[in-house]
Amino acid sequence: MLTRLSHTQHELVHERGYSENILASLADMLIVTDATGKILRTNGACMDALQYSHEDLLGRPIRHLLKSGDDVVSLLV
């Protein structure tokens, strides 16, 4: 049982790393938020384009990135 659990844990770590590499290598900006609009994740393209660090964006509301009068919905269309 412990060996199987260890194997499954190793597979999950491998898959997470694979997913992380894909997201990090995207040429397009990626911003992931929760249901309230709090930024949970960004990628390098986003940080380069917006000239913010990951730490500057993490946990902030996405509205922080919008110009006055813009709304989040218009960014998604």
N, C-alpha and C. Protein backbone atom coordinates (compact mmCIF):
# COMPACT_ATOMS: atom_id res chain seq x y z
N MET A 1 0.83 -1.20 0.00
CA MET A 1 0.00 0.00 0.00
C MET A 1 0.87 1.25 0.00
N LEU A 2 1.89 1.29 0.84
CA LEU A 2 2.76 2.46 0.93
C LEU A 2 3.54 2.66 -0.36
N THR A 3 3.97 1.58 -0.98
CA THR A 3 4.71 1.67 -2.24
C THR A 3 3.81 2.23 -3.34
N ARG A 4 2.58 1.78 -3.37
CA ARG A 4 1.63 2.29 -4.37
C ARG A 4 1.36 3.77 -4.15
N LEU A 5 1.20 4.17 -2.91
CA LEU A 5 0.97 5.58 -2.58
C LEU A 5 2.18 6.42 -2.98
N SER A 6 3.36 5.92 -2.71
CA SER A 6 4.59 6.62 -3.08
C SER A 6 4.69 6.76 -4.60
N HIS A 7 4.35 5.71 -5.32
CA HIS A 7 4.38 5.75 -6.78
C HIS A 7 3.38 6.78 -7.32
N THR A 8 2.18 6.78 -6.77
CA THR A 8 1.15 7.74 -7.19
C THR A 8 1.58 9.16 -6.90
N GLN A 9 2.19 9.37 -5.75
CA GLN A 9 2.68 10.70 -5.38
C GLN A 9 3.76 11.14 -6.36
N HIS A 10 4.66 10.26 -6.72
CA HIS A 10 5.71 10.56 -7.69
C HIS A 10 5.10 10.94 -9.05
N GLU A 11 4.09 10.20 -9.47
CA GLU A 11 3.42 10.51 -10.74
C GLU A 11 2.76 11.88 -10.71
N LEU A 12 2.13 12.21 -9.60
CA LEU A 12 1.49 13.52 -9.46
C LEU A 12 2.51 14.66 -9.53
N VAL A 13 3.63 14.48 -8.88
CA VAL A 13 4.69 15.49 -8.92
C VAL A 13 5.20 15.65 -10.35
N HIS A 14 5.38 14.55 -11.05
CA HIS A 14 5.84 14.58 -12.44
C HIS A 14 4.82 15.32 -13.32
N GLU A 15 3.55 14.98 -13.19
CA GLU A 15 2.51 15.61 -14.00
C GLU A 15 2.37 17.10 -13.69
N ARG A 16 2.52 17.45 -12.43
CA ARG A 16 2.45 18.87 -12.07
C ARG A 16 3.60 19.63 -12.72
N GLY A 17 4.79 19.07 -12.68
CA GLY A 17 5.93 19.69 -13.32
C GLY A 17 5.72 19.86 -14.82
N TYR A 18 5.14 18.84 -15.44
CA TYR A 18 4.84 18.89 -16.87
C TYR A 18 3.86 20.03 -17.16
N SER A 19 2.80 20.11 -16.37
CA SER A 19 1.81 21.17 -16.55
C SER A 19 2.42 22.55 -16.31
N GLU A 20 3.25 22.66 -15.29
CA GLU A 20 3.91 23.93 -14.98
C GLU A 20 4.77 24.38 -16.17
N ASN A 21 5.49 23.45 -16.79
CA ASN A 21 6.33 23.79 -17.94
C ASN A 21 5.51 24.27 -19.12
N ILE A 22 4.38 23.64 -19.36
CA ILE A 22 3.51 24.06 -20.46
C ILE A 22 3.01 25.48 -20.21
N LEU A 23 2.50 25.74 -19.03
CA LEU A 23 1.97 27.07 -18.72
C LEU A 23 3.06 28.13 -18.76
N ALA A 24 4.23 27.80 -18.28
CA ALA A 24 5.33 28.77 -18.26
C ALA A 24 5.82 29.09 -19.67
N SER A 25 5.69 28.16 -20.60
CA SER A 25 6.22 28.37 -21.94
C SER A 25 5.20 28.97 -22.92
N LEU A 26 4.00 29.23 -22.46
CA LEU A 26 3.00 29.84 -23.34
C LEU A 26 3.48 31.21 -23.81
N ALA A 27 3.30 31.49 -25.09
CA ALA A 27 3.67 32.80 -25.63
C ALA A 27 2.62 33.85 -25.28
N ASP A 28 1.40 33.42 -25.02
CA ASP A 28 0.32 34.34 -24.67
C ASP A 28 0.26 34.53 -23.16
N MET A 29 -0.27 35.69 -22.77
CA MET A 29 -0.42 35.98 -21.35
C MET A 29 -1.44 35.03 -20.73
N LEU A 30 -1.16 34.63 -19.51
CA LEU A 30 -2.08 33.78 -18.75
C LEU A 30 -2.25 34.38 -17.37
N ILE A 31 -3.50 34.63 -17.02
CA ILE A 31 -3.84 35.09 -15.67
C ILE A 31 -4.95 34.19 -15.16
N VAL A 32 -4.73 33.54 -14.04
CA VAL A 32 -5.73 32.67 -13.44
C VAL A 32 -6.22 33.36 -12.18
N THR A 33 -7.54 33.46 -12.06
CA THR A 33 -8.14 34.08 -10.87
C THR A 33 -9.10 33.11 -10.21
N ASP A 34 -9.45 33.44 -8.98
CA ASP A 34 -10.52 32.69 -8.33
C ASP A 34 -11.84 33.35 -8.71
N ALA A 35 -12.93 32.88 -8.13
CA ALA A 35 -14.26 33.39 -8.48
C ALA A 35 -14.45 34.86 -8.11
N THR A 36 -13.65 35.36 -7.18
CA THR A 36 -13.78 36.76 -6.78
C THR A 36 -12.88 37.69 -7.58
N GLY A 37 -12.06 37.14 -8.46
CA GLY A 37 -11.16 37.96 -9.27
C GLY A 37 -9.78 38.13 -8.68
N LYS A 38 -9.48 37.41 -7.60
CA LYS A 38 -8.14 37.47 -7.00
C LYS A 38 -7.17 36.66 -7.86
N ILE A 39 -6.04 37.24 -8.22
CA ILE A 39 -5.07 36.58 -9.08
C ILE A 39 -4.36 35.46 -8.32
N LEU A 40 -4.44 34.25 -8.90
CA LEU A 40 -3.83 33.07 -8.29
C LEU A 40 -2.55 32.66 -9.01
N ARG A 41 -2.47 32.98 -10.31
CA ARG A 41 -1.33 32.52 -11.11
C ARG A 41 -1.17 33.40 -12.32
N THR A 42 0.08 33.59 -12.72
CA THR A 42 0.40 34.28 -13.96
C THR A 42 1.54 33.51 -14.63
N ASN A 43 1.83 33.85 -15.87
CA ASN A 43 2.97 33.22 -16.52
C ASN A 43 3.98 34.29 -16.93
N GLY A 44 5.09 33.87 -17.48
CA GLY A 44 6.16 34.79 -17.85
C GLY A 44 5.73 35.82 -18.87
N ALA A 45 4.92 35.39 -19.86
CA ALA A 45 4.45 36.33 -20.88
C ALA A 45 3.63 37.45 -20.25
N CYS A 46 2.84 37.12 -19.27
CA CYS A 46 2.04 38.12 -18.56
C CYS A 46 2.93 39.10 -17.82
N MET A 47 3.89 38.56 -17.09
CA MET A 47 4.77 39.43 -16.30
C MET A 47 5.61 40.31 -17.22
N ASP A 48 6.07 39.77 -18.35
CA ASP A 48 6.84 40.57 -19.29
C ASP A 48 6.01 41.69 -19.90
N ALA A 49 4.79 41.35 -20.33
CA ALA A 49 3.93 42.33 -20.99
C ALA A 49 3.49 43.43 -20.03
N LEU A 50 3.18 43.05 -18.81
CA LEU A 50 2.66 44.02 -17.84
C LEU A 50 3.76 44.67 -17.00
N GLN A 51 4.96 44.12 -17.08
CA GLN A 51 6.11 44.60 -16.32
C GLN A 51 5.85 44.60 -14.81
N TYR A 52 5.28 43.49 -14.36
CA TYR A 52 5.08 43.23 -12.93
C TYR A 52 5.77 41.91 -12.61
N SER A 53 6.16 41.74 -11.37
CA SER A 53 6.67 40.44 -10.94
C SER A 53 5.49 39.58 -10.50
N HIS A 54 5.73 38.28 -10.40
CA HIS A 54 4.70 37.36 -9.92
C HIS A 54 4.22 37.80 -8.53
N GLU A 55 5.16 38.19 -7.70
CA GLU A 55 4.82 38.60 -6.33
C GLU A 55 3.95 39.86 -6.33
N ASP A 56 4.16 40.77 -7.30
CA ASP A 56 3.35 41.98 -7.39
C ASP A 56 1.89 41.65 -7.72
N LEU A 57 1.67 40.59 -8.48
CA LEU A 57 0.33 40.26 -8.95
C LEU A 57 -0.40 39.26 -8.07
N LEU A 58 0.32 38.32 -7.50
CA LEU A 58 -0.29 37.25 -6.73
C LEU A 58 -1.14 37.79 -5.58
N GLY A 59 -2.40 37.38 -5.56
CA GLY A 59 -3.30 37.77 -4.48
C GLY A 59 -4.01 39.10 -4.70
N ARG A 60 -3.60 39.85 -5.70
CA ARG A 60 -4.24 41.14 -5.96
C ARG A 60 -5.50 40.92 -6.80
N PRO A 61 -6.45 41.84 -6.71
CA PRO A 61 -7.63 41.72 -7.56
C PRO A 61 -7.26 42.03 -9.02
N ILE A 62 -7.87 41.31 -9.94
CA ILE A 62 -7.57 41.54 -11.36
C ILE A 62 -7.94 42.96 -11.76
N ARG A 63 -8.86 43.56 -11.07
CA ARG A 63 -9.24 44.94 -11.36
C ARG A 63 -8.04 45.88 -11.26
N HIS A 64 -7.04 45.49 -10.50
CA HIS A 64 -5.81 46.27 -10.37
C HIS A 64 -5.15 46.49 -11.74
N LEU A 65 -5.37 45.56 -12.66
CA LEU A 65 -4.74 45.63 -13.97
C LEU A 65 -5.57 46.40 -15.00
N LEU A 66 -6.79 46.75 -14.65
CA LEU A 66 -7.68 47.41 -15.59
C LEU A 66 -7.57 48.92 -15.52
N LYS A 67 -7.76 49.55 -16.67
CA LYS A 67 -7.85 51.00 -16.70
C LYS A 67 -9.21 51.39 -16.16
N SER A 68 -9.31 52.59 -15.66
CA SER A 68 -10.59 53.09 -15.17
C SER A 68 -11.65 52.98 -16.26
N GLY A 69 -12.79 52.42 -15.93
CA GLY A 69 -13.87 52.27 -16.89
C GLY A 69 -13.91 50.91 -17.57
N ASP A 70 -12.80 50.17 -17.54
CA ASP A 70 -12.79 48.82 -18.13
C ASP A 70 -13.45 47.85 -17.16
N ASP A 71 -13.88 46.73 -17.67
CA ASP A 71 -14.36 45.69 -16.79
C ASP A 71 -13.76 44.35 -17.21
N VAL A 72 -13.80 43.39 -16.29
CA VAL A 72 -13.19 42.10 -16.52
C VAL A 72 -13.85 41.39 -17.68
N VAL A 73 -15.15 41.51 -17.83
CA VAL A 73 -15.87 40.80 -18.88
C VAL A 73 -15.34 41.20 -20.26
N SER A 74 -15.03 42.47 -20.46
CA SER A 74 -14.54 42.90 -21.77
C SER A 74 -13.19 42.28 -22.10
N LEU A 75 -12.42 41.91 -21.10
CA LEU A 75 -11.14 41.25 -21.34
C LEU A 75 -11.31 39.81 -21.81
N LEU A 76 -12.43 39.22 -21.49
CA LEU A 76 -12.64 37.81 -21.79
C LEU A 76 -13.24 37.58 -23.17
N VAL A 77 -13.71 38.62 -23.79
CA VAL A 77 -14.37 38.48 -25.10
C VAL A 77 -13.39 38.66 -26.23
